[in-house]
Amino acid sequence: MRGVYYKSKFYEVDKYKSDHLSLKGLSIQDLDEVIGLNELTEITTLDLSHNKIKTVKNIDCLKNLIILNLSNNNLETIHGLEALTNLKSLFIDNNKIQKIEGISHLDKLNKLDLSVNKISKIDNLESLEMLDRLMMEDNMLQKIENIDNLVSLRGLKFTRNNISDISGLRNLTRISSLDLSYNQIIDVSVLENLTELAYLVLDGNSIRDVSKLRGLEQLEYLSISDNRIEDVSALSNLKKLWFLSIENNYIKDPDVFARLQHSLDLQKFIH
């Protein structure tokens, strides 16, 4: 029987998933109090979410870890991951992190969640060239930057930041899913380069012109509600759309709704 002791209670490695250990929601503050953790060198998944951890330590021997969940803790900095070079998924959302650091060496990462922190700048991700999904919603970002070389990215989520500049997306032509809702974006012309987009959410910005979206012929899901858009006629070219939401805008031509409905095979149309 393999596992760890925390406060005199034994927590076993999942008997059905022999490489998985969950220590979720145990109010752990200090990982040094988890006896035997650094001996479980064969585990590939470790769930430390929903605790009170302030510092990551005592896991440097877990070099086979592929998935590490540190969400919903009290982390203010990212440290202690230096030896975990096999990580592919890292969840550090819902913490108190202000700066992206301590992960630039994790060059096998393909999923990174930094949502609900206090990060004001995207930095130190340039070396993560295998990154496929990046989630940074509910932070303090003002622009998308320093990720233009991460050409493997397919999914980005930046909901509820203060972003006004999205020019840093220009080279990320493989993105298929993008959520930029509830920011301060006016100009979305750079999105015309992202021709593989299938899912796009831009609700709650200050967008006026969506004509540059006319060439995104792979789009299946588009939500642009709560903006300042006056003309949506360009969307009639998006023949793969099955979902379209355009409510709460400044659309002047009421007949455009009927024309869109006629030209597109929409399963759900919110206007």
C-alpha atoms as a PDB file:
ATOM      1  CA  MET A   1       0.000   0.000   0.000  1.00  0.00           C
ATOM      2  CA  ARG A   2       1.481   3.308  -1.112  1.00  0.00           C
ATOM      3  CA  GLY A   3       0.536   6.749   0.083  1.00  0.00           C
ATOM      4  CA  VAL A   4       1.278   9.544   2.546  1.00  0.00           C
ATOM      5  CA  TYR A   5       0.437  10.541   6.089  1.00  0.00           C
ATOM      6  CA  TYR A   6      -0.990  13.929   6.950  1.00  0.00           C
ATOM      7  CA  LYS A   7      -1.982  14.680  10.540  1.00  0.00           C
ATOM      8  CA  SER A   8      -1.856  10.970  11.430  1.00  0.00           C
ATOM      9  CA  LYS A   9      -4.234  10.020   8.610  1.00  0.00           C
ATOM     10  CA  PHE A  10      -3.156   7.871   5.682  1.00  0.00           C
ATOM     11  CA  TYR A  11      -3.972   8.947   2.122  1.00  0.00           C
ATOM     12  CA  GLU A  12      -3.510   6.151  -0.382  1.00  0.00           C
ATOM     13  CA  VAL A  13      -2.406   6.412  -3.965  1.00  0.00           C
ATOM     14  CA  ASP A  14      -5.515   5.738  -6.080  1.00  0.00           C
ATOM     15  CA  LYS A  15      -5.909   1.969  -6.278  1.00  0.00           C
ATOM     16  CA  TYR A  16      -7.532   2.242  -9.696  1.00  0.00           C
ATOM     17  CA  LYS A  17      -5.072   4.838 -10.986  1.00  0.00           C
ATOM     18  CA  SER A  18      -1.795   3.654  -9.518  1.00  0.00           C
ATOM     19  CA  ASP A  19      -0.015   6.853 -10.520  1.00  0.00           C
ATOM     20  CA  HIS A  20      -2.561   9.316  -9.051  1.00  0.00           C
ATOM     21  CA  LEU A  21      -2.530  10.934  -5.594  1.00  0.00           C
ATOM     22  CA  SER A  22      -5.179  13.378  -4.413  1.00  0.00           C
ATOM     23  CA  LEU A  23      -4.642  15.561  -1.350  1.00  0.00           C
ATOM     24  CA  LYS A  24      -7.406  17.951  -2.309  1.00  0.00           C
ATOM     25  CA  GLY A  25      -9.154  20.075   0.285  1.00  0.00           C
ATOM     26  CA  LEU A  26      -7.240  18.987   3.405  1.00  0.00           C
ATOM     27  CA  SER A  27      -6.340  22.528   4.572  1.00  0.00           C
ATOM     28  CA  ILE A  28      -2.641  21.747   4.086  1.00  0.00           C
ATOM     29  CA  GLN A  29      -0.460  24.783   4.810  1.00  0.00           C
ATOM     30  CA  ASP A  30       3.019  23.259   4.823  1.00  0.00           C
ATOM     31  CA  LEU A  31       3.968  20.419   2.463  1.00  0.00           C
ATOM     32  CA  ASP A  32       6.692  19.353   4.904  1.00  0.00           C
ATOM     33  CA  GLU A  33       3.861  18.008   7.069  1.00  0.00           C
ATOM     34  CA  VAL A  34       2.868  15.521   4.364  1.00  0.00           C
ATOM     35  CA  ILE A  35       4.983  12.528   5.377  1.00  0.00           C
ATOM     36  CA  GLY A  36       6.228  10.311   2.559  1.00  0.00           C
ATOM     37  CA  LEU A  37       5.274  12.581  -0.329  1.00  0.00           C
ATOM     38  CA  ASN A  38       8.788  12.860  -1.721  1.00  0.00           C
ATOM     39  CA  GLU A  39       9.090   9.075  -1.797  1.00  0.00           C
ATOM     40  CA  LEU A  40       6.260   8.569  -4.306  1.00  0.00           C
ATOM     41  CA  THR A  41       8.578   9.064  -7.229  1.00  0.00           C
ATOM     42  CA  GLU A  42       6.446   6.986  -9.611  1.00  0.00           C
ATOM     43  CA  ILE A  43       3.236   9.054  -9.441  1.00  0.00           C
ATOM     44  CA  THR A  44       2.331  11.075 -12.528  1.00  0.00           C
ATOM     45  CA  THR A  45      -0.651  13.042 -11.191  1.00  0.00           C
ATOM     46  CA  LEU A  46      -0.743  15.062  -7.948  1.00  0.00           C
ATOM     47  CA  ASP A  47      -3.758  17.069  -6.839  1.00  0.00           C
ATOM     48  CA  LEU A  48      -2.977  19.629  -4.132  1.00  0.00           C
ATOM     49  CA  SER A  49      -5.890  21.933  -4.924  1.00  0.00           C
ATOM     50  CA  HIS A  50      -8.159  23.639  -2.403  1.00  0.00           C
ATOM     51  CA  ASN A  51      -5.606  23.811   0.383  1.00  0.00           C
ATOM     52  CA  LYS A  52      -3.782  26.708   2.074  1.00  0.00           C
ATOM     53  CA  ILE A  53      -0.331  26.161   0.612  1.00  0.00           C
ATOM     54  CA  LYS A  54       1.897  29.251   0.485  1.00  0.00           C
ATOM     55  CA  THR A  55       5.120  27.638  -0.747  1.00  0.00           C
ATOM     56  CA  VAL A  56       5.679  24.683  -3.059  1.00  0.00           C
ATOM     57  CA  LYS A  57       8.309  22.362  -1.621  1.00  0.00           C
ATOM     58  CA  ASN A  58       9.056  18.719  -0.894  1.00  0.00           C
ATOM     59  CA  ILE A  59       7.969  17.566  -4.364  1.00  0.00           C
ATOM     60  CA  ASP A  60      11.264  17.926  -6.233  1.00  0.00           C
ATOM     61  CA  CYS A  61      11.727  14.138  -6.220  1.00  0.00           C
ATOM     62  CA  LEU A  62       8.475  13.617  -8.139  1.00  0.00           C
ATOM     63  CA  LYS A  63      10.187  13.835 -11.490  1.00  0.00           C
ATOM     64  CA  ASN A  64       7.599  11.659 -13.243  1.00  0.00           C
ATOM     65  CA  LEU A  65       4.768  14.114 -12.599  1.00  0.00           C
ATOM     66  CA  ILE A  66       2.801  14.922 -15.726  1.00  0.00           C
ATOM     67  CA  ILE A  67      -0.167  16.691 -14.106  1.00  0.00           C
ATOM     68  CA  LEU A  68       0.116  19.003 -11.096  1.00  0.00           C
ATOM     69  CA  ASN A  69      -2.878  20.830  -9.659  1.00  0.00           C
ATOM     70  CA  LEU A  70      -2.106  23.701  -7.267  1.00  0.00           C
ATOM     71  CA  SER A  71      -5.297  25.665  -7.813  1.00  0.00           C
ATOM     72  CA  ASN A  72      -7.141  27.383  -4.975  1.00  0.00           C
ATOM     73  CA  ASN A  73      -4.230  27.840  -2.595  1.00  0.00           C
ATOM     74  CA  ASN A  74      -2.393  30.856  -1.145  1.00  0.00           C
ATOM     75  CA  LEU A  75       0.596  30.929  -3.489  1.00  0.00           C
ATOM     76  CA  GLU A  76       2.090  34.362  -4.093  1.00  0.00           C
ATOM     77  CA  THR A  77       5.035  33.192  -6.204  1.00  0.00           C
ATOM     78  CA  ILE A  78       5.779  30.211  -8.462  1.00  0.00           C
ATOM     79  CA  HIS A  79       8.776  28.321  -7.110  1.00  0.00           C
ATOM     80  CA  GLY A  80       9.714  24.741  -6.304  1.00  0.00           C
ATOM     81  CA  LEU A  81       8.960  23.258  -9.727  1.00  0.00           C
ATOM     82  CA  GLU A  82      12.542  23.239 -10.999  1.00  0.00           C
ATOM     83  CA  ALA A  83      12.888  19.430 -11.112  1.00  0.00           C
ATOM     84  CA  LEU A  84       9.462  18.698 -12.620  1.00  0.00           C
ATOM     85  CA  THR A  85      10.570  18.826 -16.224  1.00  0.00           C
ATOM     86  CA  ASN A  86       8.071  16.185 -17.400  1.00  0.00           C
ATOM     87  CA  LEU A  87       5.023  18.277 -16.511  1.00  0.00           C
ATOM     88  CA  LYS A  88       2.468  18.578 -19.296  1.00  0.00           C
ATOM     89  CA  SER A  89      -0.441  20.138 -17.385  1.00  0.00           C
ATOM     90  CA  LEU A  90      -0.054  22.735 -14.644  1.00  0.00           C
ATOM     91  CA  PHE A  91      -2.954  24.362 -12.826  1.00  0.00           C
ATOM     92  CA  ILE A  92      -2.090  27.352 -10.596  1.00  0.00           C
ATOM     93  CA  ASP A  93      -5.378  29.214 -10.896  1.00  0.00           C
ATOM     94  CA  ASN A  94      -7.103  30.918  -7.973  1.00  0.00           C
ATOM     95  CA  ASN A  95      -3.996  31.973  -6.087  1.00  0.00           C
ATOM     96  CA  LYS A  96      -2.321  35.326  -5.362  1.00  0.00           C
ATOM     97  CA  ILE A  97       0.413  35.244  -7.981  1.00  0.00           C
ATOM     98  CA  GLN A  98       1.593  38.597  -9.354  1.00  0.00           C
ATOM     99  CA  LYS A  99       4.360  37.518 -11.726  1.00  0.00           C
ATOM    100  CA  ILE A 100       4.868  34.603 -14.109  1.00  0.00           C
ATOM    101  CA  GLU A 101       8.158  32.983 -13.155  1.00  0.00           C
ATOM    102  CA  GLY A 102       9.693  29.660 -12.258  1.00  0.00           C
ATOM    103  CA  ILE A 103       8.162  27.706 -15.153  1.00  0.00           C
ATOM    104  CA  SER A 104      10.246  28.695 -18.195  1.00  0.00           C
ATOM    105  CA  HIS A 105      12.149  25.399 -17.990  1.00  0.00           C
ATOM    106  CA  LEU A 106       8.955  23.292 -18.233  1.00  0.00           C
ATOM    107  CA  ASP A 107       9.278  22.929 -21.975  1.00  0.00           C
ATOM    108  CA  LYS A 108       6.903  19.929 -22.199  1.00  0.00           C
ATOM    109  CA  LEU A 109       3.917  21.888 -20.887  1.00  0.00           C
ATOM    110  CA  ASN A 110       0.896  21.806 -23.164  1.00  0.00           C
ATOM    111  CA  LYS A 111      -1.716  23.132 -20.722  1.00  0.00           C
ATOM    112  CA  LEU A 112      -1.224  26.043 -18.302  1.00  0.00           C
ATOM    113  CA  ASP A 113      -3.920  27.650 -16.156  1.00  0.00           C
ATOM    114  CA  LEU A 114      -2.989  30.911 -14.418  1.00  0.00           C
ATOM    115  CA  SER A 115      -6.543  32.227 -14.088  1.00  0.00           C
ATOM    116  CA  VAL A 116      -7.811  34.256 -11.130  1.00  0.00           C
ATOM    117  CA  ASN A 117      -4.509  35.686  -9.950  1.00  0.00           C
ATOM    118  CA  LYS A 118      -3.019  39.188  -9.881  1.00  0.00           C
ATOM    119  CA  ILE A 119      -0.826  38.983 -12.961  1.00  0.00           C
ATOM    120  CA  SER A 120      -0.394  42.248 -14.883  1.00  0.00           C
ATOM    121  CA  LYS A 121       1.987  41.107 -17.639  1.00  0.00           C
ATOM    122  CA  ILE A 122       2.459  38.015 -19.787  1.00  0.00           C
ATOM    123  CA  ASP A 123       6.116  37.150 -19.448  1.00  0.00           C
ATOM    124  CA  ASN A 124       8.593  34.274 -19.270  1.00  0.00           C
ATOM    125  CA  LEU A 125       6.536  31.908 -21.412  1.00  0.00           C
ATOM    126  CA  GLU A 126       8.620  32.184 -24.579  1.00  0.00           C
ATOM    127  CA  SER A 127      10.340  28.824 -24.071  1.00  0.00           C
ATOM    128  CA  LEU A 128       7.095  26.847 -23.724  1.00  0.00           C
ATOM    129  CA  GLU A 129       6.891  26.033 -27.404  1.00  0.00           C
ATOM    130  CA  MET A 130       4.673  22.962 -26.912  1.00  0.00           C
ATOM    131  CA  LEU A 131       1.961  24.944 -25.125  1.00  0.00           C
ATOM    132  CA  ASP A 132      -1.452  24.130 -26.562  1.00  0.00           C
ATOM    133  CA  ARG A 133      -3.828  25.740 -24.020  1.00  0.00           C
ATOM    134  CA  LEU A 134      -3.262  28.917 -21.991  1.00  0.00           C
ATOM    135  CA  MET A 135      -5.879  30.200 -19.548  1.00  0.00           C
ATOM    136  CA  MET A 136      -5.409  33.591 -17.883  1.00  0.00           C
ATOM    137  CA  GLU A 137      -8.907  34.860 -17.168  1.00  0.00           C
ATOM    138  CA  ASP A 138      -9.554  37.190 -14.241  1.00  0.00           C
ATOM    139  CA  ASN A 139      -6.132  38.780 -14.022  1.00  0.00           C
ATOM    140  CA  MET A 140      -4.911  42.355 -14.557  1.00  0.00           C
ATOM    141  CA  LEU A 141      -3.532  42.130 -18.100  1.00  0.00           C
ATOM    142  CA  GLN A 142      -3.620  45.163 -20.378  1.00  0.00           C
ATOM    143  CA  LYS A 143      -2.187  43.610 -23.523  1.00  0.00           C
ATOM    144  CA  ILE A 144      -1.446  40.247 -25.089  1.00  0.00           C
ATOM    145  CA  GLU A 145       2.302  40.078 -25.532  1.00  0.00           C
ATOM    146  CA  ASN A 146       5.375  37.852 -25.486  1.00  0.00           C
ATOM    147  CA  ILE A 147       3.601  34.750 -26.800  1.00  0.00           C
ATOM    148  CA  ASP A 148       3.935  35.386 -30.526  1.00  0.00           C
ATOM    149  CA  ASN A 149       6.437  32.527 -30.905  1.00  0.00           C
ATOM    150  CA  LEU A 150       4.120  29.956 -29.241  1.00  0.00           C
ATOM    151  CA  VAL A 151       2.772  28.816 -32.573  1.00  0.00           C
ATOM    152  CA  SER A 152       1.407  25.526 -31.194  1.00  0.00           C
ATOM    153  CA  LEU A 153      -1.256  27.365 -29.201  1.00  0.00           C
ATOM    154  CA  ARG A 154      -4.787  26.287 -30.075  1.00  0.00           C
ATOM    155  CA  GLY A 155      -6.782  27.587 -27.145  1.00  0.00           C
ATOM    156  CA  LEU A 156      -6.600  30.908 -25.280  1.00  0.00           C
ATOM    157  CA  LYS A 157      -8.859  32.276 -22.565  1.00  0.00           C
ATOM    158  CA  PHE A 158      -8.359  35.866 -21.362  1.00  0.00           C
ATOM    159  CA  THR A 159     -11.819  36.688 -20.034  1.00  0.00           C
ATOM    160  CA  ARG A 160     -12.220  39.588 -17.581  1.00  0.00           C
ATOM    161  CA  ASN A 161      -8.900  41.388 -17.780  1.00  0.00           C
ATOM    162  CA  ASN A 162      -8.193  44.989 -18.832  1.00  0.00           C
ATOM    163  CA  ILE A 163      -6.914  44.100 -22.290  1.00  0.00           C
ATOM    164  CA  SER A 164      -7.084  46.715 -25.031  1.00  0.00           C
ATOM    165  CA  ASP A 165      -4.183  45.587 -27.253  1.00  0.00           C
ATOM    166  CA  ILE A 166      -4.429  42.133 -28.893  1.00  0.00           C
ATOM    167  CA  SER A 167      -1.807  42.665 -31.601  1.00  0.00           C
ATOM    168  CA  GLY A 168       0.298  39.926 -29.986  1.00  0.00           C
ATOM    169  CA  LEU A 169      -2.057  37.339 -31.466  1.00  0.00           C
ATOM    170  CA  ARG A 170      -1.012  38.114 -35.028  1.00  0.00           C
ATOM    171  CA  ASN A 171       1.292  35.119 -35.533  1.00  0.00           C
ATOM    172  CA  LEU A 172      -0.780  32.538 -33.647  1.00  0.00           C
ATOM    173  CA  THR A 173      -2.493  31.211 -36.721  1.00  0.00           C
ATOM    174  CA  ARG A 174      -3.274  27.749 -35.310  1.00  0.00           C
ATOM    175  CA  ILE A 175      -5.648  29.016 -32.626  1.00  0.00           C
ATOM    176  CA  SER A 176      -9.064  27.403 -32.894  1.00  0.00           C
ATOM    177  CA  SER A 177     -10.612  28.609 -29.616  1.00  0.00           C
ATOM    178  CA  LEU A 178     -10.333  32.184 -28.317  1.00  0.00           C
ATOM    179  CA  ASP A 179     -12.189  33.920 -25.477  1.00  0.00           C
ATOM    180  CA  LEU A 180     -11.467  37.630 -25.038  1.00  0.00           C
ATOM    181  CA  SER A 181     -14.775  38.574 -23.431  1.00  0.00           C
ATOM    182  CA  TYR A 182     -15.172  41.428 -20.961  1.00  0.00           C
ATOM    183  CA  ASN A 183     -12.068  43.439 -21.707  1.00  0.00           C
ATOM    184  CA  GLN A 184     -11.524  46.865 -23.291  1.00  0.00           C
ATOM    185  CA  ILE A 185     -10.927  45.833 -26.885  1.00  0.00           C
ATOM    186  CA  ILE A 186     -11.894  48.152 -29.727  1.00  0.00           C
ATOM    187  CA  ASP A 187      -9.887  46.887 -32.714  1.00  0.00           C
ATOM    188  CA  VAL A 188     -10.186  43.204 -33.687  1.00  0.00           C
ATOM    189  CA  SER A 189      -8.642  43.483 -37.160  1.00  0.00           C
ATOM    190  CA  VAL A 190      -5.686  41.300 -36.127  1.00  0.00           C
ATOM    191  CA  LEU A 191      -8.073  38.359 -35.840  1.00  0.00           C
ATOM    192  CA  GLU A 192      -8.367  38.141 -39.624  1.00  0.00           C
ATOM    193  CA  ASN A 193      -5.060  36.223 -39.548  1.00  0.00           C
ATOM    194  CA  LEU A 194      -6.461  33.475 -37.304  1.00  0.00           C
ATOM    195  CA  THR A 195      -8.160  31.537 -40.044  1.00  0.00           C
ATOM    196  CA  GLU A 196      -8.468  28.293 -38.056  1.00  0.00           C
ATOM    197  CA  LEU A 197     -10.725  29.873 -35.433  1.00  0.00           C
ATOM    198  CA  ALA A 198     -13.809  27.769 -34.766  1.00  0.00           C
ATOM    199  CA  TYR A 199     -14.844  29.277 -31.409  1.00  0.00           C
ATOM    200  CA  LEU A 200     -14.669  33.019 -30.753  1.00  0.00           C
ATOM    201  CA  VAL A 201     -16.108  34.982 -27.830  1.00  0.00           C
ATOM    202  CA  LEU A 202     -15.776  38.781 -27.751  1.00  0.00           C
ATOM    203  CA  ASP A 203     -18.695  39.800 -25.519  1.00  0.00           C
ATOM    204  CA  GLY A 204     -18.455  42.849 -23.296  1.00  0.00           C
ATOM    205  CA  ASN A 205     -15.868  44.932 -25.136  1.00  0.00           C
ATOM    206  CA  SER A 206     -16.052  48.217 -27.081  1.00  0.00           C
ATOM    207  CA  ILE A 207     -15.881  46.754 -30.584  1.00  0.00           C
ATOM    208  CA  ARG A 208     -17.489  48.753 -33.386  1.00  0.00           C
ATOM    209  CA  ASP A 209     -16.298  47.041 -36.560  1.00  0.00           C
ATOM    210  CA  VAL A 210     -16.444  43.275 -37.218  1.00  0.00           C
ATOM    211  CA  SER A 211     -15.914  43.406 -40.970  1.00  0.00           C
ATOM    212  CA  LYS A 212     -12.454  41.823 -40.596  1.00  0.00           C
ATOM    213  CA  LEU A 213     -14.105  38.648 -39.309  1.00  0.00           C
ATOM    214  CA  ARG A 214     -15.657  37.912 -42.700  1.00  0.00           C
ATOM    215  CA  GLY A 215     -12.729  35.699 -43.714  1.00  0.00           C
ATOM    216  CA  LEU A 216     -12.893  33.385 -40.689  1.00  0.00           C
ATOM    217  CA  GLU A 217     -14.686  30.693 -42.636  1.00  0.00           C
ATOM    218  CA  GLN A 218     -14.037  27.945 -40.057  1.00  0.00           C
ATOM    219  CA  LEU A 219     -16.015  29.763 -37.352  1.00  0.00           C
ATOM    220  CA  GLU A 220     -18.791  27.664 -35.845  1.00  0.00           C
ATOM    221  CA  TYR A 221     -19.454  29.615 -32.646  1.00  0.00           C
ATOM    222  CA  LEU A 222     -19.389  33.418 -32.451  1.00  0.00           C
ATOM    223  CA  SER A 223     -20.536  35.595 -29.568  1.00  0.00           C
ATOM    224  CA  ILE A 224     -20.131  39.377 -29.895  1.00  0.00           C
ATOM    225  CA  SER A 225     -22.886  40.653 -27.593  1.00  0.00           C
ATOM    226  CA  ASP A 226     -22.579  43.769 -25.434  1.00  0.00           C
ATOM    227  CA  ASN A 227     -20.394  45.790 -27.778  1.00  0.00           C
ATOM    228  CA  ARG A 228     -20.919  48.900 -29.962  1.00  0.00           C
ATOM    229  CA  ILE A 229     -21.319  47.153 -33.304  1.00  0.00           C
ATOM    230  CA  GLU A 230     -23.513  48.881 -35.882  1.00  0.00           C
ATOM    231  CA  ASP A 231     -23.165  46.572 -38.899  1.00  0.00           C
ATOM    232  CA  VAL A 232     -23.035  42.756 -38.841  1.00  0.00           C
ATOM    233  CA  SER A 233     -23.678  42.105 -42.523  1.00  0.00           C
ATOM    234  CA  ALA A 234     -20.117  40.784 -42.971  1.00  0.00           C
ATOM    235  CA  LEU A 235     -21.037  37.762 -40.859  1.00  0.00           C
ATOM    236  CA  SER A 236     -23.235  36.372 -43.645  1.00  0.00           C
ATOM    237  CA  ASN A 237     -20.062  34.904 -45.151  1.00  0.00           C
ATOM    238  CA  LEU A 238     -19.487  32.582 -42.172  1.00  0.00           C
ATOM    239  CA  LYS A 239     -21.299  29.546 -43.540  1.00  0.00           C
ATOM    240  CA  LYS A 240     -20.196  27.116 -40.804  1.00  0.00           C
ATOM    241  CA  LEU A 241     -21.729  29.146 -37.979  1.00  0.00           C
ATOM    242  CA  TRP A 242     -24.307  27.268 -35.903  1.00  0.00           C
ATOM    243  CA  PHE A 243     -24.275  29.657 -32.913  1.00  0.00           C
ATOM    244  CA  LEU A 244     -24.403  33.441 -33.147  1.00  0.00           C
ATOM    245  CA  SER A 245     -25.040  35.944 -30.370  1.00  0.00           C
ATOM    246  CA  ILE A 246     -25.150  39.660 -31.255  1.00  0.00           C
ATOM    247  CA  GLU A 247     -27.551  41.134 -28.696  1.00  0.00           C
ATOM    248  CA  ASN A 248     -27.038  44.491 -26.983  1.00  0.00           C
ATOM    249  CA  ASN A 249     -25.236  46.273 -29.792  1.00  0.00           C
ATOM    250  CA  TYR A 250     -25.994  49.400 -31.838  1.00  0.00           C
ATOM    251  CA  ILE A 251     -27.208  47.668 -34.994  1.00  0.00           C
ATOM    252  CA  LYS A 252     -29.020  50.161 -37.225  1.00  0.00           C
ATOM    253  CA  ASP A 253     -30.596  47.868 -39.815  1.00  0.00           C
ATOM    254  CA  PRO A 254     -33.262  45.662 -38.171  1.00  0.00           C
ATOM    255  CA  ASP A 255     -33.670  43.637 -41.378  1.00  0.00           C
ATOM    256  CA  VAL A 256     -30.117  42.296 -41.087  1.00  0.00           C
ATOM    257  CA  PHE A 257     -31.283  39.700 -38.557  1.00  0.00           C
ATOM    258  CA  ALA A 258     -33.611  38.082 -41.082  1.00  0.00           C
ATOM    259  CA  ARG A 259     -30.929  38.155 -43.769  1.00  0.00           C
ATOM    260  CA  LEU A 260     -28.434  36.448 -41.475  1.00  0.00           C
ATOM    261  CA  GLN A 261     -30.968  33.828 -40.518  1.00  0.00           C
ATOM    262  CA  HIS A 262     -31.631  33.169 -44.194  1.00  0.00           C
ATOM    263  CA  SER A 263     -27.995  32.989 -45.302  1.00  0.00           C
ATOM    264  CA  LEU A 264     -26.699  30.963 -42.336  1.00  0.00           C
ATOM    265  CA  ASP A 265     -27.809  27.581 -41.000  1.00  0.00           C
ATOM    266  CA  LEU A 266     -27.976  28.709 -37.378  1.00  0.00           C
ATOM    267  CA  GLN A 267     -29.121  26.388 -34.621  1.00  0.00           C
ATOM    268  CA  LYS A 268     -29.121  29.229 -32.087  1.00  0.00           C
ATOM    269  CA  PHE A 269     -29.364  32.926 -32.883  1.00  0.00           C
ATOM    270  CA  ILE A 270     -29.484  35.476 -30.072  1.00  0.00           C
ATOM    271  CA  HIS A 271     -30.186  39.046 -31.129  1.00  0.00           C
END
